[in-house]
């Protein structure tokens, strides 16, 4: 095998591994977002609640809503 062919194959292999890792990271992020956030009923922005009362304010559209009713 020539050096050029080896280099090309090893680069393709590492790109594939990076793509697989990125895909796995993306899937884990999506699962976390789905489990820990709710969408603003007005604009759809994902919102995380870290405690406090159930009254929420969307940072994007300023809509006020009840966290428990979503």
C-alpha atoms as a PDB file:
ATOM      1  CA  UNK A   1       0.000   0.000   0.000  1.00  0.00           C
ATOM      2  CA  UNK A   2       1.331   3.395  -0.920  1.00  0.00           C
ATOM      3  CA  UNK A   3       1.775   6.115   1.689  1.00  0.00           C
ATOM      4  CA  UNK A   4      -0.776   8.286  -0.092  1.00  0.00           C
ATOM      5  CA  UNK A   5      -3.403   5.540  -0.075  1.00  0.00           C
ATOM      6  CA  UNK A   6      -2.714   4.749   3.597  1.00  0.00           C
ATOM      7  CA  UNK A   7      -3.007   8.421   4.532  1.00  0.00           C
ATOM      8  CA  UNK A   8      -6.249   8.782   2.582  1.00  0.00           C
ATOM      9  CA  UNK A   9      -7.750   5.676   4.205  1.00  0.00           C
ATOM     10  CA  UNK A  10      -6.706   6.733   7.716  1.00  0.00           C
ATOM     11  CA  UNK A  11      -8.141  10.227   7.195  1.00  0.00           C
ATOM     12  CA  UNK A  12     -11.431   8.784   5.963  1.00  0.00           C
ATOM     13  CA  UNK A  13     -11.523   6.463   8.963  1.00  0.00           C
ATOM     14  CA  UNK A  14     -10.969   9.300  11.449  1.00  0.00           C
ATOM     15  CA  UNK A  15     -13.645  11.413   9.785  1.00  0.00           C
ATOM     16  CA  UNK A  16     -16.054   8.521  10.124  1.00  0.00           C
ATOM     17  CA  UNK A  17     -15.219   8.147  13.833  1.00  0.00           C
ATOM     18  CA  UNK A  18     -15.685  11.898  14.373  1.00  0.00           C
ATOM     19  CA  UNK A  19     -19.020  11.784  12.583  1.00  0.00           C
ATOM     20  CA  UNK A  20     -20.147   8.818  14.704  1.00  0.00           C
ATOM     21  CA  UNK A  21     -19.095  10.590  17.913  1.00  0.00           C
ATOM     22  CA  UNK A  22     -20.853  13.789  16.833  1.00  0.00           C
ATOM     23  CA  UNK A  23     -23.983  11.821  15.972  1.00  0.00           C
ATOM     24  CA  UNK A  24     -23.896  10.107  19.365  1.00  0.00           C
ATOM     25  CA  UNK A  25     -23.361  13.438  21.155  1.00  0.00           C
ATOM     26  CA  UNK A  26     -26.224  14.994  19.188  1.00  0.00           C
ATOM     27  CA  UNK A  27     -28.531  12.131  20.152  1.00  0.00           C
ATOM     28  CA  UNK A  28     -27.578  12.394  23.844  1.00  0.00           C
ATOM     29  CA  UNK A  29     -28.171  16.160  23.752  1.00  0.00           C
ATOM     30  CA  UNK A  30     -31.583  15.669  22.141  1.00  0.00           C
ATOM     31  CA  UNK A  31     -32.564  13.132  24.811  1.00  0.00           C
ATOM     32  CA  UNK A  32     -31.473  15.509  27.598  1.00  0.00           C
ATOM     33  CA  UNK A  33     -33.414  18.410  26.074  1.00  0.00           C
ATOM     34  CA  UNK A  34     -36.531  16.250  25.671  1.00  0.00           C
ATOM     35  CA  UNK A  35     -36.312  15.079  29.308  1.00  0.00           C
ATOM     36  CA  UNK A  36     -35.443  18.426  30.956  1.00  0.00           C
ATOM     37  CA  UNK A  37     -37.143  21.184  29.000  1.00  0.00           C
ATOM     38  CA  UNK A  38     -40.567  22.223  27.775  1.00  0.00           C
ATOM     39  CA  UNK A  39     -41.453  24.413  24.808  1.00  0.00           C
ATOM     40  CA  UNK A  40     -42.918  27.855  25.239  1.00  0.00           C
ATOM     41  CA  UNK A  41     -46.572  27.542  24.156  1.00  0.00           C
ATOM     42  CA  UNK A  42     -46.302  30.842  22.273  1.00  0.00           C
ATOM     43  CA  UNK A  43     -43.038  30.626  20.302  1.00  0.00           C
ATOM     44  CA  UNK A  44     -41.712  27.082  20.822  1.00  0.00           C
ATOM     45  CA  UNK A  45     -38.405  28.043  22.483  1.00  0.00           C
ATOM     46  CA  UNK A  46     -37.049  25.262  24.711  1.00  0.00           C
ATOM     47  CA  UNK A  47     -37.118  26.348  28.378  1.00  0.00           C
ATOM     48  CA  UNK A  48     -35.402  24.690  31.342  1.00  0.00           C
ATOM     49  CA  UNK A  49     -36.858  25.085  34.840  1.00  0.00           C
ATOM     50  CA  UNK A  50     -34.317  25.022  37.662  1.00  0.00           C
ATOM     51  CA  UNK A  51     -36.656  25.476  40.615  1.00  0.00           C
ATOM     52  CA  UNK A  52     -38.898  28.208  41.910  1.00  0.00           C
ATOM     53  CA  UNK A  53     -42.583  28.682  41.265  1.00  0.00           C
ATOM     54  CA  UNK A  54     -44.588  27.321  38.349  1.00  0.00           C
ATOM     55  CA  UNK A  55     -45.041  30.746  36.706  1.00  0.00           C
ATOM     56  CA  UNK A  56     -42.637  30.978  33.776  1.00  0.00           C
ATOM     57  CA  UNK A  57     -41.538  33.792  31.464  1.00  0.00           C
ATOM     58  CA  UNK A  58     -40.144  33.002  28.026  1.00  0.00           C
ATOM     59  CA  UNK A  59     -36.928  34.923  27.419  1.00  0.00           C
ATOM     60  CA  UNK A  60     -37.552  35.120  23.675  1.00  0.00           C
ATOM     61  CA  UNK A  61     -41.171  36.264  23.382  1.00  0.00           C
ATOM     62  CA  UNK A  62     -41.872  37.304  27.017  1.00  0.00           C
ATOM     63  CA  UNK A  63     -44.953  35.049  27.147  1.00  0.00           C
ATOM     64  CA  UNK A  64     -46.064  34.120  30.710  1.00  0.00           C
ATOM     65  CA  UNK A  65     -47.314  30.566  31.293  1.00  0.00           C
ATOM     66  CA  UNK A  66     -47.804  27.857  33.929  1.00  0.00           C
ATOM     67  CA  UNK A  67     -45.035  25.229  33.791  1.00  0.00           C
ATOM     68  CA  UNK A  68     -47.316  22.493  35.181  1.00  0.00           C
ATOM     69  CA  UNK A  69     -49.953  22.953  32.488  1.00  0.00           C
ATOM     70  CA  UNK A  70     -47.607  22.118  29.615  1.00  0.00           C
END
